[in-house]
């Protein structure tokens, strides 16, 4: 066995360990961003459907409309554009 082989293995192990340790904070940031995005989408989804379910109130109907683009069109299969 060559004398350099253990040294080479040690250096490669050290480099690989450093690369893995450097990637961990990035993975943690990605996980936090994913969790933040999920929380935002869940909150908006709940607000949209809650305002829809209470749209008999003019304030809730206005709130519901604020979630949608002003030029959104709904096509009903029997009534056409609504």
Protein backbone atom coordinates (compact mmCIF):
# COMPACT_ATOMS: atom_id res chain seq x y z
CA UNK A 1 0.00 0.00 0.00
CA UNK A 2 1.29 3.40 -0.93
CA UNK A 3 2.03 5.86 1.90
CA UNK A 4 0.01 8.56 0.18
CA UNK A 5 -3.18 6.49 0.11
CA UNK A 6 -4.18 7.10 3.76
CA UNK A 7 -3.38 10.79 3.42
CA UNK A 8 -5.37 11.02 0.20
CA UNK A 9 -8.34 9.26 1.85
CA UNK A 10 -8.14 11.63 4.81
CA UNK A 11 -8.05 14.71 2.56
CA UNK A 12 -10.96 13.43 0.47
CA UNK A 13 -12.97 12.66 3.60
CA UNK A 14 -12.27 16.11 4.98
CA UNK A 15 -13.29 17.78 1.70
CA UNK A 16 -16.47 15.72 1.49
CA UNK A 17 -17.35 16.51 5.11
CA UNK A 18 -16.87 20.21 4.45
CA UNK A 19 -19.10 20.06 1.39
CA UNK A 20 -21.84 18.27 3.33
CA UNK A 21 -21.63 20.71 6.22
CA UNK A 22 -21.80 23.67 3.84
CA UNK A 23 -24.95 22.25 2.22
CA UNK A 24 -26.83 21.82 5.50
CA UNK A 25 -27.60 25.53 6.10
CA UNK A 26 -28.80 25.83 2.51
CA UNK A 27 -31.14 22.86 3.01
CA UNK A 28 -32.43 24.39 6.24
CA UNK A 29 -33.11 27.70 4.46
CA UNK A 30 -34.90 25.84 1.65
CA UNK A 31 -37.03 23.93 4.16
CA UNK A 32 -37.90 27.16 5.99
CA UNK A 33 -38.83 28.87 2.71
CA UNK A 34 -41.00 25.90 1.74
CA UNK A 35 -42.74 25.99 5.11
CA UNK A 36 -43.26 29.75 4.82
CA UNK A 37 -44.72 29.37 1.33
CA UNK A 38 -47.05 26.60 2.55
CA UNK A 39 -48.26 28.81 5.42
CA UNK A 40 -48.90 31.74 3.04
CA UNK A 41 -50.81 29.61 0.53
CA UNK A 42 -52.85 27.98 3.31
CA UNK A 43 -53.78 31.36 4.77
CA UNK A 44 -54.83 32.76 1.38
CA UNK A 45 -56.75 29.58 0.53
CA UNK A 46 -58.64 29.70 3.83
CA UNK A 47 -59.43 33.39 3.34
CA UNK A 48 -60.68 32.86 -0.22
CA UNK A 49 -63.03 30.03 0.65
CA UNK A 50 -64.20 31.58 3.92
CA UNK A 51 -65.17 34.77 2.10
CA UNK A 52 -66.90 32.69 -0.60
CA UNK A 53 -68.84 30.70 1.98
CA UNK A 54 -70.08 33.95 3.59
CA UNK A 55 -70.62 35.93 0.38
CA UNK A 56 -74.19 36.89 1.34
CA UNK A 57 -72.57 39.73 3.28
CA UNK A 58 -71.51 42.60 0.97
CA UNK A 59 -68.24 43.02 2.87
CA UNK A 60 -67.39 39.33 2.44
CA UNK A 61 -68.34 39.46 -1.24
CA UNK A 62 -65.97 42.42 -1.71
CA UNK A 63 -63.26 40.55 0.20
CA UNK A 64 -63.81 37.50 -2.02
CA UNK A 65 -63.51 39.63 -5.15
CA UNK A 66 -60.21 41.05 -3.89
CA UNK A 67 -58.63 37.59 -4.13
CA UNK A 68 -59.41 37.32 -7.84
CA UNK A 69 -58.19 39.18 -10.93
CA UNK A 70 -60.74 41.78 -12.11
CA UNK A 71 -60.90 40.24 -15.59
CA UNK A 72 -61.54 36.68 -14.37
CA UNK A 73 -64.42 35.02 -16.20
CA UNK A 74 -66.27 31.91 -15.11
CA UNK A 75 -67.83 29.76 -17.83
CA UNK A 76 -70.81 27.71 -16.70
CA UNK A 77 -71.63 24.75 -18.91
CA UNK A 78 -75.33 25.71 -19.01
CA UNK A 79 -75.32 29.48 -18.55
CA UNK A 80 -72.11 30.55 -20.31
CA UNK A 81 -70.04 33.44 -18.97
CA UNK A 82 -70.91 34.48 -15.45
